[in-house]
Amino acid sequence: MRIKHALSLILAIALAVLVAGCGGGNSITPPDDTNGAFTVDNALKQVVYTPPVSRQTYSVYAFFQNVSSLQTVSALFAYNPAQGKWTLDYSDNSSQFNGQAIGTYDMTVWVIFSDDENPKKVGNPTRLENLSVFGTGGPPPPPWP
């Protein structure tokens, strides 16, 4: 059990270093409106990503980092063709998360466009209070930035 917690802590630290831009490799693009925008609807427990008109979106995902424990989970947005937008359900029974998230988390949204394999950050990190997601049946983690 201690090994599992130690590995989670090491993974969270490594992710923090990568997100800070100290990890080398692919450069991380700072937030920019040209990457689209997202809105959080606390009443519906949804995050909606609206892509820019000029680009084809390949994938949208988010990282959630617990503000107390630094635990990180990821979630994959689902495309809604009728709206032309991507949505993420963060309700208790969401199947879009790759793990459990209980507590207060900072969410960072990333997008990959069809013409560029480098993930782009969308907006600024957003704090979600009292998150309670038990998404053990979700998809595997998306590509790491």
N, C-alpha and C. Protein backbone atom coordinates (compact mmCIF):
# COMPACT_ATOMS: atom_id res chain seq x y z
N MET A 1 0.82 -1.18 0.00
CA MET A 1 0.00 0.00 0.00
C MET A 1 0.87 1.25 0.00
N ARG A 2 1.95 1.23 0.78
CA ARG A 2 2.84 2.38 0.84
C ARG A 2 3.53 2.60 -0.50
N ILE A 3 3.86 1.51 -1.18
CA ILE A 3 4.51 1.63 -2.49
C ILE A 3 3.57 2.33 -3.46
N LYS A 4 2.30 1.98 -3.43
CA LYS A 4 1.31 2.60 -4.32
C LYS A 4 1.23 4.11 -4.05
N HIS A 5 1.23 4.50 -2.79
CA HIS A 5 1.16 5.93 -2.45
C HIS A 5 2.45 6.64 -2.86
N ALA A 6 3.59 5.99 -2.67
CA ALA A 6 4.87 6.59 -3.05
C ALA A 6 4.95 6.77 -4.56
N LEU A 7 4.49 5.78 -5.33
CA LEU A 7 4.49 5.91 -6.79
C LEU A 7 3.54 7.01 -7.24
N SER A 8 2.39 7.13 -6.59
CA SER A 8 1.45 8.22 -6.93
C SER A 8 2.08 9.58 -6.68
N LEU A 9 2.80 9.71 -5.57
CA LEU A 9 3.46 10.97 -5.25
C LEU A 9 4.54 11.28 -6.27
N ILE A 10 5.33 10.30 -6.65
CA ILE A 10 6.39 10.51 -7.64
C ILE A 10 5.79 10.92 -8.98
N LEU A 11 4.70 10.27 -9.39
CA LEU A 11 4.02 10.62 -10.64
C LEU A 11 3.49 12.05 -10.59
N ALA A 12 2.90 12.44 -9.47
CA ALA A 12 2.37 13.80 -9.33
C ALA A 12 3.49 14.83 -9.40
N ILE A 13 4.63 14.55 -8.79
CA ILE A 13 5.76 15.49 -8.84
C ILE A 13 6.29 15.59 -10.26
N ALA A 14 6.41 14.45 -10.94
CA ALA A 14 6.89 14.47 -12.33
C ALA A 14 5.95 15.26 -13.22
N LEU A 15 4.64 15.10 -13.01
CA LEU A 15 3.66 15.84 -13.80
C LEU A 15 3.77 17.34 -13.52
N ALA A 16 3.95 17.70 -12.26
CA ALA A 16 4.09 19.12 -11.92
C ALA A 16 5.30 19.72 -12.60
N VAL A 17 6.39 18.98 -12.68
CA VAL A 17 7.59 19.47 -13.35
C VAL A 17 7.33 19.63 -14.84
N LEU A 18 6.64 18.66 -15.46
CA LEU A 18 6.35 18.76 -16.88
C LEU A 18 5.43 19.94 -17.18
N VAL A 19 4.40 20.10 -16.38
CA VAL A 19 3.45 21.19 -16.61
C VAL A 19 4.14 22.54 -16.41
N ALA A 20 5.10 22.61 -15.51
CA ALA A 20 5.83 23.85 -15.27
C ALA A 20 6.78 24.17 -16.42
N GLY A 21 6.98 23.23 -17.33
CA GLY A 21 7.83 23.51 -18.48
C GLY A 21 9.28 23.13 -18.25
N CYS A 22 9.56 22.38 -17.20
CA CYS A 22 10.94 22.02 -16.90
C CYS A 22 11.27 20.62 -17.35
N GLY A 23 10.37 19.94 -18.01
CA GLY A 23 10.58 18.55 -18.34
C GLY A 23 11.32 18.31 -19.63
N GLY A 24 11.57 19.34 -20.42
CA GLY A 24 12.25 19.13 -21.69
C GLY A 24 11.28 18.52 -22.69
N GLY A 25 11.82 18.05 -23.81
CA GLY A 25 10.98 17.42 -24.82
C GLY A 25 10.11 18.44 -25.51
N ASN A 26 8.87 18.07 -25.79
CA ASN A 26 7.95 18.98 -26.47
C ASN A 26 7.70 20.22 -25.62
N SER A 27 7.71 21.36 -26.26
CA SER A 27 7.44 22.58 -25.50
C SER A 27 5.95 22.68 -25.25
N ILE A 28 5.59 23.25 -24.13
CA ILE A 28 4.19 23.42 -23.76
C ILE A 28 3.79 24.85 -24.09
N THR A 29 2.73 24.97 -24.87
CA THR A 29 2.25 26.28 -25.28
C THR A 29 1.45 26.92 -24.16
N PRO A 30 1.71 28.19 -23.83
CA PRO A 30 0.93 28.85 -22.80
C PRO A 30 -0.53 29.02 -23.23
N PRO A 31 -1.43 29.26 -22.28
CA PRO A 31 -2.85 29.41 -22.63
C PRO A 31 -3.05 30.50 -23.68
N ASP A 32 -3.96 30.24 -24.60
CA ASP A 32 -4.19 31.17 -25.70
C ASP A 32 -5.61 30.92 -26.21
N ASP A 33 -6.38 32.00 -26.48
CA ASP A 33 -7.74 31.85 -26.97
C ASP A 33 -7.80 31.13 -28.31
N THR A 34 -6.71 31.11 -29.07
CA THR A 34 -6.73 30.42 -30.35
C THR A 34 -6.83 28.91 -30.18
N ASN A 35 -6.71 28.42 -28.97
CA ASN A 35 -6.85 26.99 -28.70
C ASN A 35 -8.27 26.63 -28.30
N GLY A 36 -9.18 27.57 -28.37
CA GLY A 36 -10.55 27.33 -27.96
C GLY A 36 -10.77 27.80 -26.53
N ALA A 37 -11.90 27.44 -25.98
CA ALA A 37 -12.24 27.88 -24.61
C ALA A 37 -13.12 26.82 -23.96
N PHE A 38 -13.13 26.83 -22.64
CA PHE A 38 -14.02 25.92 -21.92
C PHE A 38 -14.81 26.69 -20.88
N THR A 39 -15.99 26.15 -20.56
CA THR A 39 -16.81 26.71 -19.50
C THR A 39 -17.19 25.59 -18.54
N VAL A 40 -17.33 25.95 -17.29
CA VAL A 40 -17.71 24.98 -16.25
C VAL A 40 -19.14 25.27 -15.84
N ASP A 41 -19.98 24.26 -15.90
CA ASP A 41 -21.37 24.38 -15.47
C ASP A 41 -21.52 23.55 -14.20
N ASN A 42 -21.44 24.22 -13.04
CA ASN A 42 -21.51 23.51 -11.76
C ASN A 42 -22.88 22.88 -11.51
N ALA A 43 -23.94 23.48 -12.05
CA ALA A 43 -25.28 22.93 -11.85
C ALA A 43 -25.42 21.58 -12.56
N LEU A 44 -24.91 21.48 -13.80
CA LEU A 44 -24.99 20.23 -14.55
C LEU A 44 -23.78 19.32 -14.32
N LYS A 45 -22.78 19.84 -13.60
CA LYS A 45 -21.52 19.12 -13.36
C LYS A 45 -20.89 18.71 -14.70
N GLN A 46 -20.71 19.73 -15.55
CA GLN A 46 -20.12 19.52 -16.87
C GLN A 46 -19.09 20.59 -17.17
N VAL A 47 -18.10 20.19 -17.95
CA VAL A 47 -17.17 21.15 -18.54
C VAL A 47 -17.38 21.05 -20.04
N VAL A 48 -17.59 22.17 -20.72
CA VAL A 48 -17.84 22.18 -22.15
C VAL A 48 -16.69 22.92 -22.84
N TYR A 49 -16.02 22.23 -23.76
CA TYR A 49 -14.93 22.83 -24.54
C TYR A 49 -15.48 23.20 -25.92
N THR A 50 -15.24 24.46 -26.30
CA THR A 50 -15.64 24.95 -27.62
C THR A 50 -14.37 25.16 -28.43
N PRO A 51 -14.18 24.38 -29.51
CA PRO A 51 -12.95 24.53 -30.30
C PRO A 51 -12.98 25.79 -31.16
N PRO A 52 -11.80 26.26 -31.58
CA PRO A 52 -11.78 27.38 -32.50
C PRO A 52 -12.35 26.95 -33.86
N VAL A 53 -12.96 27.87 -34.56
CA VAL A 53 -13.59 27.57 -35.84
C VAL A 53 -12.57 27.12 -36.88
N SER A 54 -11.36 27.64 -36.78
CA SER A 54 -10.36 27.43 -37.83
C SER A 54 -9.58 26.13 -37.72
N ARG A 55 -9.83 25.30 -36.68
CA ARG A 55 -9.01 24.10 -36.50
C ARG A 55 -9.86 22.87 -36.22
N GLN A 56 -9.36 21.73 -36.66
CA GLN A 56 -10.01 20.45 -36.43
C GLN A 56 -9.45 19.84 -35.14
N THR A 57 -10.30 19.55 -34.18
CA THR A 57 -9.87 19.00 -32.89
C THR A 57 -9.81 17.49 -32.95
N TYR A 58 -8.70 16.92 -32.46
CA TYR A 58 -8.52 15.47 -32.44
C TYR A 58 -8.91 14.89 -31.08
N SER A 59 -8.48 15.54 -29.99
CA SER A 59 -8.73 15.02 -28.65
C SER A 59 -8.71 16.15 -27.64
N VAL A 60 -9.54 16.04 -26.61
CA VAL A 60 -9.58 17.01 -25.52
C VAL A 60 -9.56 16.22 -24.22
N TYR A 61 -8.71 16.61 -23.30
CA TYR A 61 -8.63 15.93 -22.02
C TYR A 61 -8.28 16.92 -20.92
N ALA A 62 -8.41 16.48 -19.69
CA ALA A 62 -8.12 17.35 -18.55
C ALA A 62 -7.37 16.56 -17.49
N PHE A 63 -6.52 17.27 -16.78
CA PHE A 63 -5.84 16.73 -15.61
C PHE A 63 -6.41 17.41 -14.38
N PHE A 64 -6.66 16.64 -13.36
CA PHE A 64 -7.19 17.14 -12.10
C PHE A 64 -6.16 16.83 -11.03
N GLN A 65 -5.66 17.88 -10.36
CA GLN A 65 -4.68 17.67 -9.31
C GLN A 65 -5.28 18.11 -7.98
N ASN A 66 -5.27 17.19 -7.02
CA ASN A 66 -5.79 17.48 -5.69
C ASN A 66 -4.92 18.54 -5.04
N VAL A 67 -5.54 19.59 -4.50
CA VAL A 67 -4.77 20.70 -3.92
C VAL A 67 -4.10 20.33 -2.62
N SER A 68 -4.55 19.27 -1.95
CA SER A 68 -3.95 18.85 -0.68
C SER A 68 -2.92 17.74 -0.87
N SER A 69 -3.30 16.69 -1.59
CA SER A 69 -2.44 15.51 -1.69
C SER A 69 -1.60 15.46 -2.96
N LEU A 70 -1.87 16.32 -3.93
CA LEU A 70 -1.21 16.33 -5.23
C LEU A 70 -1.54 15.10 -6.08
N GLN A 71 -2.54 14.31 -5.66
CA GLN A 71 -2.99 13.18 -6.47
C GLN A 71 -3.49 13.74 -7.80
N THR A 72 -3.18 13.04 -8.90
CA THR A 72 -3.61 13.49 -10.21
C THR A 72 -4.43 12.40 -10.89
N VAL A 73 -5.57 12.79 -11.46
CA VAL A 73 -6.35 11.90 -12.31
C VAL A 73 -6.61 12.64 -13.61
N SER A 74 -6.90 11.89 -14.65
CA SER A 74 -7.20 12.52 -15.93
C SER A 74 -8.57 12.08 -16.41
N ALA A 75 -9.10 12.83 -17.35
CA ALA A 75 -10.42 12.52 -17.90
C ALA A 75 -10.44 12.92 -19.37
N LEU A 76 -11.17 12.17 -20.15
CA LEU A 76 -11.26 12.38 -21.58
C LEU A 76 -12.62 12.98 -21.92
N PHE A 77 -12.62 14.11 -22.63
CA PHE A 77 -13.86 14.74 -23.07
C PHE A 77 -14.49 13.90 -24.18
N ALA A 78 -15.81 13.95 -24.30
CA ALA A 78 -16.55 13.26 -25.36
C ALA A 78 -17.04 14.30 -26.37
N TYR A 79 -16.95 13.96 -27.64
CA TYR A 79 -17.40 14.88 -28.69
C TYR A 79 -18.90 14.78 -28.89
N ASN A 80 -19.55 15.94 -28.99
CA ASN A 80 -20.98 16.03 -29.24
C ASN A 80 -21.17 16.63 -30.63
N PRO A 81 -21.36 15.81 -31.66
CA PRO A 81 -21.43 16.33 -33.03
C PRO A 81 -22.60 17.30 -33.27
N ALA A 82 -23.69 17.12 -32.55
CA ALA A 82 -24.85 18.01 -32.74
C ALA A 82 -24.50 19.45 -32.36
N GLN A 83 -23.68 19.61 -31.33
CA GLN A 83 -23.30 20.94 -30.87
C GLN A 83 -21.95 21.39 -31.44
N GLY A 84 -21.15 20.44 -31.91
CA GLY A 84 -19.80 20.77 -32.36
C GLY A 84 -18.89 21.10 -31.19
N LYS A 85 -19.24 20.58 -30.01
CA LYS A 85 -18.47 20.85 -28.79
C LYS A 85 -18.09 19.54 -28.11
N TRP A 86 -17.18 19.64 -27.15
CA TRP A 86 -16.71 18.50 -26.38
C TRP A 86 -17.16 18.68 -24.94
N THR A 87 -17.65 17.61 -24.32
CA THR A 87 -18.14 17.73 -22.95
C THR A 87 -17.46 16.72 -22.03
N LEU A 88 -17.36 17.13 -20.78
CA LEU A 88 -16.83 16.27 -19.73
C LEU A 88 -17.81 16.28 -18.58
N ASP A 89 -18.30 15.11 -18.22
CA ASP A 89 -19.21 14.94 -17.09
C ASP A 89 -18.37 14.70 -15.85
N TYR A 90 -18.49 15.55 -14.84
CA TYR A 90 -17.75 15.33 -13.60
C TYR A 90 -18.69 15.05 -12.42
N SER A 91 -19.83 14.41 -12.75
CA SER A 91 -20.75 13.99 -11.70
C SER A 91 -20.22 12.70 -11.05
N ASP A 92 -20.86 12.29 -9.96
CA ASP A 92 -20.43 11.12 -9.20
C ASP A 92 -20.29 9.86 -10.07
N ASN A 93 -21.17 9.69 -11.03
CA ASN A 93 -21.18 8.45 -11.81
C ASN A 93 -20.54 8.61 -13.20
N SER A 94 -19.65 9.58 -13.37
CA SER A 94 -18.99 9.79 -14.65
C SER A 94 -18.14 8.59 -15.03
N SER A 95 -18.17 8.24 -16.30
CA SER A 95 -17.33 7.15 -16.80
C SER A 95 -16.16 7.70 -17.61
N GLN A 96 -15.93 9.01 -17.54
CA GLN A 96 -14.89 9.64 -18.34
C GLN A 96 -13.56 9.80 -17.60
N PHE A 97 -13.53 9.46 -16.32
CA PHE A 97 -12.32 9.60 -15.51
C PHE A 97 -11.58 8.28 -15.43
N ASN A 98 -10.26 8.35 -15.30
CA ASN A 98 -9.46 7.13 -15.19
C ASN A 98 -9.18 6.75 -13.73
N GLY A 99 -9.78 7.44 -12.79
CA GLY A 99 -9.57 7.14 -11.38
C GLY A 99 -10.56 7.90 -10.52
N GLN A 100 -10.40 7.74 -9.22
CA GLN A 100 -11.30 8.41 -8.28
C GLN A 100 -10.75 9.78 -7.92
N ALA A 101 -11.64 10.74 -7.79
CA ALA A 101 -11.27 12.11 -7.41
C ALA A 101 -12.24 12.59 -6.35
N ILE A 102 -11.75 12.74 -5.14
CA ILE A 102 -12.59 13.20 -4.04
C ILE A 102 -11.89 14.36 -3.36
N GLY A 103 -12.53 15.53 -3.33
CA GLY A 103 -11.94 16.71 -2.70
C GLY A 103 -11.90 17.89 -3.64
N THR A 104 -10.98 18.80 -3.37
CA THR A 104 -10.82 20.01 -4.18
C THR A 104 -9.66 19.80 -5.15
N TYR A 105 -9.93 20.04 -6.44
CA TYR A 105 -8.95 19.78 -7.49
C TYR A 105 -8.79 21.00 -8.39
N ASP A 106 -7.57 21.19 -8.90
CA ASP A 106 -7.31 22.16 -9.94
C ASP A 106 -7.34 21.42 -11.27
N MET A 107 -8.19 21.88 -12.19
CA MET A 107 -8.36 21.25 -13.49
C MET A 107 -7.61 22.04 -14.55
N THR A 108 -6.82 21.34 -15.36
CA THR A 108 -6.15 21.93 -16.51
C THR A 108 -6.62 21.20 -17.75
N VAL A 109 -7.11 21.95 -18.74
CA VAL A 109 -7.65 21.36 -19.97
C VAL A 109 -6.60 21.46 -21.07
N TRP A 110 -6.48 20.36 -21.85
CA TRP A 110 -5.53 20.27 -22.96
C TRP A 110 -6.27 19.84 -24.21
N VAL A 111 -5.80 20.28 -25.37
CA VAL A 111 -6.38 19.89 -26.64
C VAL A 111 -5.26 19.48 -27.59
N ILE A 112 -5.57 18.48 -28.42
CA ILE A 112 -4.68 18.10 -29.51
C ILE A 112 -5.46 18.32 -30.79
N PHE A 113 -4.87 19.09 -31.70
CA PHE A 113 -5.51 19.35 -32.98
C PHE A 113 -5.04 18.33 -34.01
N SER A 114 -5.86 18.09 -35.03
CA SER A 114 -5.54 17.09 -36.04
C SER A 114 -4.26 17.42 -36.82
N ASP A 115 -3.94 18.70 -36.94
CA ASP A 115 -2.77 19.10 -37.72
C ASP A 115 -1.51 19.31 -36.88
N ASP A 116 -1.56 19.00 -35.58
CA ASP A 116 -0.42 19.24 -34.70
C ASP A 116 -0.50 18.27 -33.53
N GLU A 117 0.50 17.42 -33.36
CA GLU A 117 0.45 16.41 -32.30
C GLU A 117 0.85 16.94 -30.93
N ASN A 118 1.30 18.19 -30.85
CA ASN A 118 1.70 18.77 -29.56
C ASN A 118 0.47 19.29 -28.81
N PRO A 119 0.26 18.82 -27.59
CA PRO A 119 -0.89 19.29 -26.80
C PRO A 119 -0.81 20.79 -26.54
N LYS A 120 -1.95 21.44 -26.59
CA LYS A 120 -2.04 22.88 -26.32
C LYS A 120 -2.90 23.09 -25.09
N LYS A 121 -2.44 23.94 -24.20
CA LYS A 121 -3.20 24.26 -22.99
C LYS A 121 -4.34 25.19 -23.35
N VAL A 122 -5.50 24.94 -22.75
CA VAL A 122 -6.68 25.77 -22.99
C VAL A 122 -6.97 26.56 -21.73
N GLY A 123 -6.93 27.88 -21.84
CA GLY A 123 -7.25 28.73 -20.69
C GLY A 123 -6.30 28.52 -19.53
N ASN A 124 -6.77 28.87 -18.35
CA ASN A 124 -5.99 28.75 -17.12
C ASN A 124 -6.56 27.63 -16.26
N PRO A 125 -5.76 27.09 -15.34
CA PRO A 125 -6.30 26.07 -14.43
C PRO A 125 -7.52 26.62 -13.67
N THR A 126 -8.48 25.75 -13.45
CA THR A 126 -9.72 26.11 -12.77
C THR A 126 -9.92 25.20 -11.57
N ARG A 127 -10.26 25.78 -10.45
CA ARG A 127 -10.46 25.01 -9.22
C ARG A 127 -11.90 24.51 -9.15
N LEU A 128 -12.04 23.20 -8.88
CA LEU A 128 -13.36 22.59 -8.68
C LEU A 128 -13.42 22.11 -7.23
N GLU A 129 -14.36 22.66 -6.49
CA GLU A 129 -14.53 22.34 -5.07
C GLU A 129 -15.40 21.09 -4.92
N ASN A 130 -15.13 20.31 -3.91
CA ASN A 130 -15.95 19.16 -3.54
C ASN A 130 -16.21 18.19 -4.69
N LEU A 131 -15.19 17.92 -5.45
CA LEU A 131 -15.31 16.94 -6.53
C LEU A 131 -15.48 15.55 -5.90
N SER A 132 -16.35 14.75 -6.47
CA SER A 132 -16.61 13.41 -5.94
C SER A 132 -16.90 12.49 -7.12
N VAL A 133 -15.84 12.00 -7.76
CA VAL A 133 -15.97 11.17 -8.95
C VAL A 133 -15.38 9.80 -8.67
N PHE A 134 -16.12 8.77 -8.99
CA PHE A 134 -15.66 7.40 -8.80
C PHE A 134 -15.53 6.74 -10.17
N GLY A 135 -14.68 7.28 -11.01
CA GLY A 135 -14.58 6.85 -12.41
C GLY A 135 -13.62 5.72 -12.66
N THR A 136 -13.71 4.65 -11.91
CA THR A 136 -12.78 3.54 -12.09
C THR A 136 -12.97 2.81 -13.41
N GLY A 137 -14.10 2.97 -14.07
CA GLY A 137 -14.34 2.27 -15.33
C GLY A 137 -14.03 3.10 -16.54
N GLY A 138 -13.39 4.25 -16.37
CA GLY A 138 -13.14 5.14 -17.49
C GLY A 138 -12.05 4.68 -18.42
N PRO A 139 -11.81 5.46 -19.46
CA PRO A 139 -10.79 5.11 -20.44
C PRO A 139 -9.40 5.22 -19.86
N PRO A 140 -8.40 4.65 -20.51
CA PRO A 140 -7.04 4.81 -20.02
C PRO A 140 -6.63 6.27 -20.10
N PRO A 141 -5.59 6.65 -19.37
CA PRO A 141 -5.17 8.05 -19.40
C PRO A 141 -4.84 8.51 -20.82
N PRO A 142 -5.21 9.74 -21.15
CA PRO A 142 -4.88 10.26 -22.48
C PRO A 142 -3.38 10.58 -22.55
N PRO A 143 -2.88 10.99 -23.70
CA PRO A 143 -1.45 11.31 -23.80
C PRO A 143 -1.06 12.42 -22.84
N TRP A 144 0.08 12.30 -22.20
CA TRP A 144 0.56 13.31 -21.26
C TRP A 144 1.21 14.44 -22.03
N PRO A 145 1.01 15.68 -21.58
CA PRO A 145 1.63 16.81 -22.28
C PRO A 145 3.14 16.81 -22.09
